[in-house]
Amino acid sequence: MTDCEAAMQEVCEQYTTVIYAWCILPNHYHLLVSTGRLKELRREIGRFHGRSSFAWNGEDERRGRQVWHNCFDREIKSHRHFWASVNYIHHNPVKHGYVTKWQDWPWSSAAEFLERVGRETAEKIWREHPILDYGKKWDVEPPREADESDSEA
């Protein structure tokens, strides 16, 4: 898992401008990044999938087994979508029962995130952008009322 995390971070460092959040689990991973090079990033992720699959299948004597199934990319559509995604990624090891606290999963950006923003801010983000409705129109900002500052003079 540590090697997988390092290899994935190396790919991201080459093809992204910012790595916001990540989580590597035994059977999948999540990344939240910013890139102007999506096509190249996807190609390198595909190569990473090929290299890691070959190595792991050799170690397990399981040549031909499919290790990775897909790579999905989604554009972040709103402030709410961004923070719900951060929460979802950091919560994933808890969701899957590997740990009870985000920061206890060693193959994630959660501990670094908590250290950087502080517990109080992280809890506020969690409350304001819960993952309970993740996937159910969470990526759309509610309509904003027009005010005088929106009109041209």
C-alpha atoms as a PDB file:
ATOM      1  CA  MET A   1       0.000   0.000   0.000  1.00  0.00           C
ATOM      2  CA  THR A   2       2.863   2.359   0.789  1.00  0.00           C
ATOM      3  CA  ASP A   3       4.455   1.638  -2.603  1.00  0.00           C
ATOM      4  CA  CYS A   4       1.096   2.151  -4.304  1.00  0.00           C
ATOM      5  CA  GLU A   5       0.629   5.483  -2.532  1.00  0.00           C
ATOM      6  CA  ALA A   6       4.125   6.651  -3.484  1.00  0.00           C
ATOM      7  CA  ALA A   7       3.674   5.646  -7.126  1.00  0.00           C
ATOM      8  CA  MET A   8       0.298   7.381  -7.342  1.00  0.00           C
ATOM      9  CA  GLN A   9       1.665  10.543  -5.732  1.00  0.00           C
ATOM     10  CA  GLU A  10       4.564  10.534  -8.182  1.00  0.00           C
ATOM     11  CA  VAL A  11       2.135  10.406 -11.111  1.00  0.00           C
ATOM     12  CA  CYS A  12       0.046  13.200  -9.582  1.00  0.00           C
ATOM     13  CA  GLU A  13       3.068  15.398  -8.911  1.00  0.00           C
ATOM     14  CA  GLN A  14       4.035  15.177 -12.585  1.00  0.00           C
ATOM     15  CA  TYR A  15       0.613  15.894 -14.083  1.00  0.00           C
ATOM     16  CA  THR A  16      -1.342  17.985 -11.563  1.00  0.00           C
ATOM     17  CA  THR A  17      -1.026  21.494 -10.217  1.00  0.00           C
ATOM     18  CA  VAL A  18      -2.537  20.681  -6.794  1.00  0.00           C
ATOM     19  CA  ILE A  19      -3.232  17.448  -4.922  1.00  0.00           C
ATOM     20  CA  TYR A  20      -6.068  18.320  -2.533  1.00  0.00           C
ATOM     21  CA  ALA A  21      -6.931  14.903  -1.089  1.00  0.00           C
ATOM     22  CA  TRP A  22      -6.181  11.211  -1.593  1.00  0.00           C
ATOM     23  CA  CYS A  23      -6.913   7.870  -0.032  1.00  0.00           C
ATOM     24  CA  ILE A  24      -5.449   4.511  -1.028  1.00  0.00           C
ATOM     25  CA  LEU A  25      -7.424   1.430   0.048  1.00  0.00           C
ATOM     26  CA  PRO A  26      -6.684  -2.260  -0.598  1.00  0.00           C
ATOM     27  CA  ASN A  27      -9.060  -2.444  -3.566  1.00  0.00           C
ATOM     28  CA  HIS A  28      -9.494   1.139  -4.819  1.00  0.00           C
ATOM     29  CA  TYR A  29      -8.367   4.707  -4.352  1.00  0.00           C
ATOM     30  CA  HIS A  30      -9.674   8.261  -4.527  1.00  0.00           C
ATOM     31  CA  LEU A  31      -7.872  11.406  -5.662  1.00  0.00           C
ATOM     32  CA  LEU A  32      -8.935  15.035  -5.698  1.00  0.00           C
ATOM     33  CA  VAL A  33      -6.562  17.027  -7.864  1.00  0.00           C
ATOM     34  CA  SER A  34      -6.399  20.050 -10.117  1.00  0.00           C
ATOM     35  CA  THR A  35      -4.858  19.633 -13.541  1.00  0.00           C
ATOM     36  CA  GLY A  36      -4.736  21.291 -16.901  1.00  0.00           C
ATOM     37  CA  ARG A  37      -3.358  18.032 -18.276  1.00  0.00           C
ATOM     38  CA  LEU A  38      -6.227  15.595 -17.742  1.00  0.00           C
ATOM     39  CA  LYS A  39      -5.574  13.533 -20.863  1.00  0.00           C
ATOM     40  CA  GLU A  40      -1.928  13.040 -19.884  1.00  0.00           C
ATOM     41  CA  LEU A  41      -2.846  12.318 -16.236  1.00  0.00           C
ATOM     42  CA  ARG A  42      -5.376   9.664 -17.295  1.00  0.00           C
ATOM     43  CA  ARG A  43      -2.781   8.084 -19.596  1.00  0.00           C
ATOM     44  CA  GLU A  44      -0.228   7.915 -16.756  1.00  0.00           C
ATOM     45  CA  ILE A  45      -2.819   6.520 -14.354  1.00  0.00           C
ATOM     46  CA  GLY A  46      -3.499   3.823 -16.964  1.00  0.00           C
ATOM     47  CA  ARG A  47       0.212   3.050 -17.084  1.00  0.00           C
ATOM     48  CA  PHE A  48       0.318   2.952 -13.280  1.00  0.00           C
ATOM     49  CA  HIS A  49      -2.589   0.488 -13.359  1.00  0.00           C
ATOM     50  CA  GLY A  50      -0.693  -1.692 -15.828  1.00  0.00           C
ATOM     51  CA  ARG A  51       2.592  -1.662 -13.882  1.00  0.00           C
ATOM     52  CA  SER A  52       0.995  -2.287 -10.493  1.00  0.00           C
ATOM     53  CA  SER A  53      -1.326  -5.020 -11.829  1.00  0.00           C
ATOM     54  CA  PHE A  54       1.603  -6.823 -13.430  1.00  0.00           C
ATOM     55  CA  ALA A  55       3.670  -6.631 -10.235  1.00  0.00           C
ATOM     56  CA  TRP A  56       0.867  -7.693  -7.885  1.00  0.00           C
ATOM     57  CA  ASN A  57      -0.325 -10.517 -10.123  1.00  0.00           C
ATOM     58  CA  GLY A  58       3.257 -11.791 -10.307  1.00  0.00           C
ATOM     59  CA  GLU A  59       3.601 -11.681  -6.518  1.00  0.00           C
ATOM     60  CA  ASP A  60       0.299 -13.524  -6.120  1.00  0.00           C
ATOM     61  CA  GLU A  61       0.961 -15.900  -9.038  1.00  0.00           C
ATOM     62  CA  ARG A  62      -2.321 -14.747 -10.609  1.00  0.00           C
ATOM     63  CA  ARG A  63      -1.339 -13.609 -14.130  1.00  0.00           C
ATOM     64  CA  GLY A  64      -4.333 -12.299 -16.051  1.00  0.00           C
ATOM     65  CA  ARG A  65      -6.339 -11.226 -13.009  1.00  0.00           C
ATOM     66  CA  GLN A  66      -7.906  -7.785 -13.423  1.00  0.00           C
ATOM     67  CA  VAL A  67      -6.763  -5.563 -10.560  1.00  0.00           C
ATOM     68  CA  TRP A  68      -8.074  -2.143 -11.586  1.00  0.00           C
ATOM     69  CA  HIS A  69     -11.444  -1.791 -13.246  1.00  0.00           C
ATOM     70  CA  ASN A  70     -11.930   1.886 -14.140  1.00  0.00           C
ATOM     71  CA  CYS A  71     -10.668   5.403 -13.751  1.00  0.00           C
ATOM     72  CA  PHE A  72     -13.402   8.018 -13.480  1.00  0.00           C
ATOM     73  CA  ASP A  73     -12.866  11.726 -13.598  1.00  0.00           C
ATOM     74  CA  ARG A  74     -15.392  14.305 -12.480  1.00  0.00           C
ATOM     75  CA  GLU A  75     -15.214  18.057 -12.723  1.00  0.00           C
ATOM     76  CA  ILE A  76     -15.760  19.839  -9.432  1.00  0.00           C
ATOM     77  CA  LYS A  77     -18.865  21.918  -9.974  1.00  0.00           C
ATOM     78  CA  SER A  78     -19.141  23.993  -6.836  1.00  0.00           C
ATOM     79  CA  HIS A  79     -17.634  24.938  -3.489  1.00  0.00           C
ATOM     80  CA  ARG A  80     -20.015  22.472  -1.834  1.00  0.00           C
ATOM     81  CA  HIS A  81     -19.021  19.696  -4.249  1.00  0.00           C
ATOM     82  CA  PHE A  82     -15.329  20.302  -3.506  1.00  0.00           C
ATOM     83  CA  TRP A  83     -15.673  20.056   0.293  1.00  0.00           C
ATOM     84  CA  ALA A  84     -18.094  17.115   0.149  1.00  0.00           C
ATOM     85  CA  SER A  85     -15.510  15.355  -2.017  1.00  0.00           C
ATOM     86  CA  VAL A  86     -12.713  16.091   0.464  1.00  0.00           C
ATOM     87  CA  ASN A  87     -14.900  14.695   3.259  1.00  0.00           C
ATOM     88  CA  TYR A  88     -15.868  11.640   1.206  1.00  0.00           C
ATOM     89  CA  ILE A  89     -12.250  10.822   0.352  1.00  0.00           C
ATOM     90  CA  HIS A  90     -11.016  11.211   3.923  1.00  0.00           C
ATOM     91  CA  HIS A  91     -13.970   9.270   5.324  1.00  0.00           C
ATOM     92  CA  ASN A  92     -13.564   6.325   2.928  1.00  0.00           C
ATOM     93  CA  PRO A  93     -11.397   4.126   5.222  1.00  0.00           C
ATOM     94  CA  VAL A  94     -13.963   4.654   7.997  1.00  0.00           C
ATOM     95  CA  LYS A  95     -16.837   3.856   5.611  1.00  0.00           C
ATOM     96  CA  HIS A  96     -15.165   0.580   4.648  1.00  0.00           C
ATOM     97  CA  GLY A  97     -14.420  -0.367   8.271  1.00  0.00           C
ATOM     98  CA  TYR A  98     -10.621  -0.154   8.198  1.00  0.00           C
ATOM     99  CA  VAL A  99     -10.397   2.476  10.951  1.00  0.00           C
ATOM    100  CA  THR A 100     -12.734   4.455  13.203  1.00  0.00           C
ATOM    101  CA  LYS A 101     -11.019   7.834  12.693  1.00  0.00           C
ATOM    102  CA  TRP A 102      -9.820   9.445   9.464  1.00  0.00           C
ATOM    103  CA  GLN A 103      -6.372  10.278  10.779  1.00  0.00           C
ATOM    104  CA  ASP A 104      -5.691   6.653  11.725  1.00  0.00           C
ATOM    105  CA  TRP A 105      -5.512   5.489   8.087  1.00  0.00           C
ATOM    106  CA  PRO A 106      -1.852   5.856   7.049  1.00  0.00           C
ATOM    107  CA  TRP A 107      -2.438   5.894   3.255  1.00  0.00           C
ATOM    108  CA  SER A 108      -4.460   9.089   3.101  1.00  0.00           C
ATOM    109  CA  SER A 109      -4.098  12.846   3.199  1.00  0.00           C
ATOM    110  CA  ALA A 110      -6.491  13.034   6.183  1.00  0.00           C
ATOM    111  CA  ALA A 111      -3.886  13.412   8.952  1.00  0.00           C
ATOM    112  CA  GLU A 112      -2.046  16.084   6.967  1.00  0.00           C
ATOM    113  CA  PHE A 113      -5.357  17.847   6.274  1.00  0.00           C
ATOM    114  CA  LEU A 114      -6.314  17.833   9.960  1.00  0.00           C
ATOM    115  CA  GLU A 115      -2.898  19.177  10.906  1.00  0.00           C
ATOM    116  CA  ARG A 116      -3.075  21.918   8.275  1.00  0.00           C
ATOM    117  CA  VAL A 117      -6.626  23.201   8.912  1.00  0.00           C
ATOM    118  CA  GLY A 118      -7.025  22.216  12.570  1.00  0.00           C
ATOM    119  CA  ARG A 119      -9.641  20.039  14.198  1.00  0.00           C
ATOM    120  CA  GLU A 120     -12.165  22.860  14.674  1.00  0.00           C
ATOM    121  CA  THR A 121     -12.101  23.864  10.997  1.00  0.00           C
ATOM    122  CA  ALA A 122     -12.207  20.221   9.841  1.00  0.00           C
ATOM    123  CA  GLU A 123     -15.270  19.593  12.023  1.00  0.00           C
ATOM    124  CA  LYS A 124     -16.931  22.731  10.636  1.00  0.00           C
ATOM    125  CA  ILE A 125     -16.263  21.560   7.063  1.00  0.00           C
ATOM    126  CA  TRP A 126     -17.669  18.120   7.957  1.00  0.00           C
ATOM    127  CA  ARG A 127     -20.864  19.648   9.396  1.00  0.00           C
ATOM    128  CA  GLU A 128     -21.364  22.120   6.529  1.00  0.00           C
ATOM    129  CA  HIS A 129     -20.611  19.628   3.742  1.00  0.00           C
ATOM    130  CA  PRO A 130     -21.818  16.231   4.935  1.00  0.00           C
ATOM    131  CA  ILE A 131     -21.464  13.136   2.782  1.00  0.00           C
ATOM    132  CA  LEU A 132     -24.849  11.729   3.758  1.00  0.00           C
ATOM    133  CA  ASP A 133     -26.287  12.988   0.474  1.00  0.00           C
ATOM    134  CA  TYR A 134     -23.122  12.460  -1.568  1.00  0.00           C
ATOM    135  CA  GLY A 135     -24.189  11.713  -5.112  1.00  0.00           C
ATOM    136  CA  LYS A 136     -27.676  13.206  -4.780  1.00  0.00           C
ATOM    137  CA  LYS A 137     -27.312  16.648  -6.360  1.00  0.00           C
ATOM    138  CA  TRP A 138     -24.534  17.549  -3.899  1.00  0.00           C
ATOM    139  CA  ASP A 139     -22.503  18.942  -6.767  1.00  0.00           C
ATOM    140  CA  VAL A 140     -24.900  21.750  -7.618  1.00  0.00           C
ATOM    141  CA  GLU A 141     -24.852  25.057  -5.762  1.00  0.00           C
ATOM    142  CA  PRO A 142     -28.298  26.223  -4.667  1.00  0.00           C
ATOM    143  CA  PRO A 143     -29.530  29.132  -6.815  1.00  0.00           C
ATOM    144  CA  ARG A 144     -28.279  32.461  -5.545  1.00  0.00           C
ATOM    145  CA  GLU A 145     -30.606  35.431  -5.282  1.00  0.00           C
ATOM    146  CA  ALA A 146     -29.538  38.360  -7.456  1.00  0.00           C
ATOM    147  CA  ASP A 147     -28.746  41.519  -5.537  1.00  0.00           C
ATOM    148  CA  GLU A 148     -27.778  45.079  -6.382  1.00  0.00           C
ATOM    149  CA  SER A 149     -24.083  44.154  -6.693  1.00  0.00           C
ATOM    150  CA  ASP A 150     -24.989  41.885  -9.624  1.00  0.00           C
ATOM    151  CA  SER A 151     -26.470  44.663 -11.732  1.00  0.00           C
ATOM    152  CA  GLU A 152     -24.401  46.808 -14.032  1.00  0.00           C
ATOM    153  CA  ALA A 153     -24.197  50.543 -13.343  1.00  0.00           C
END
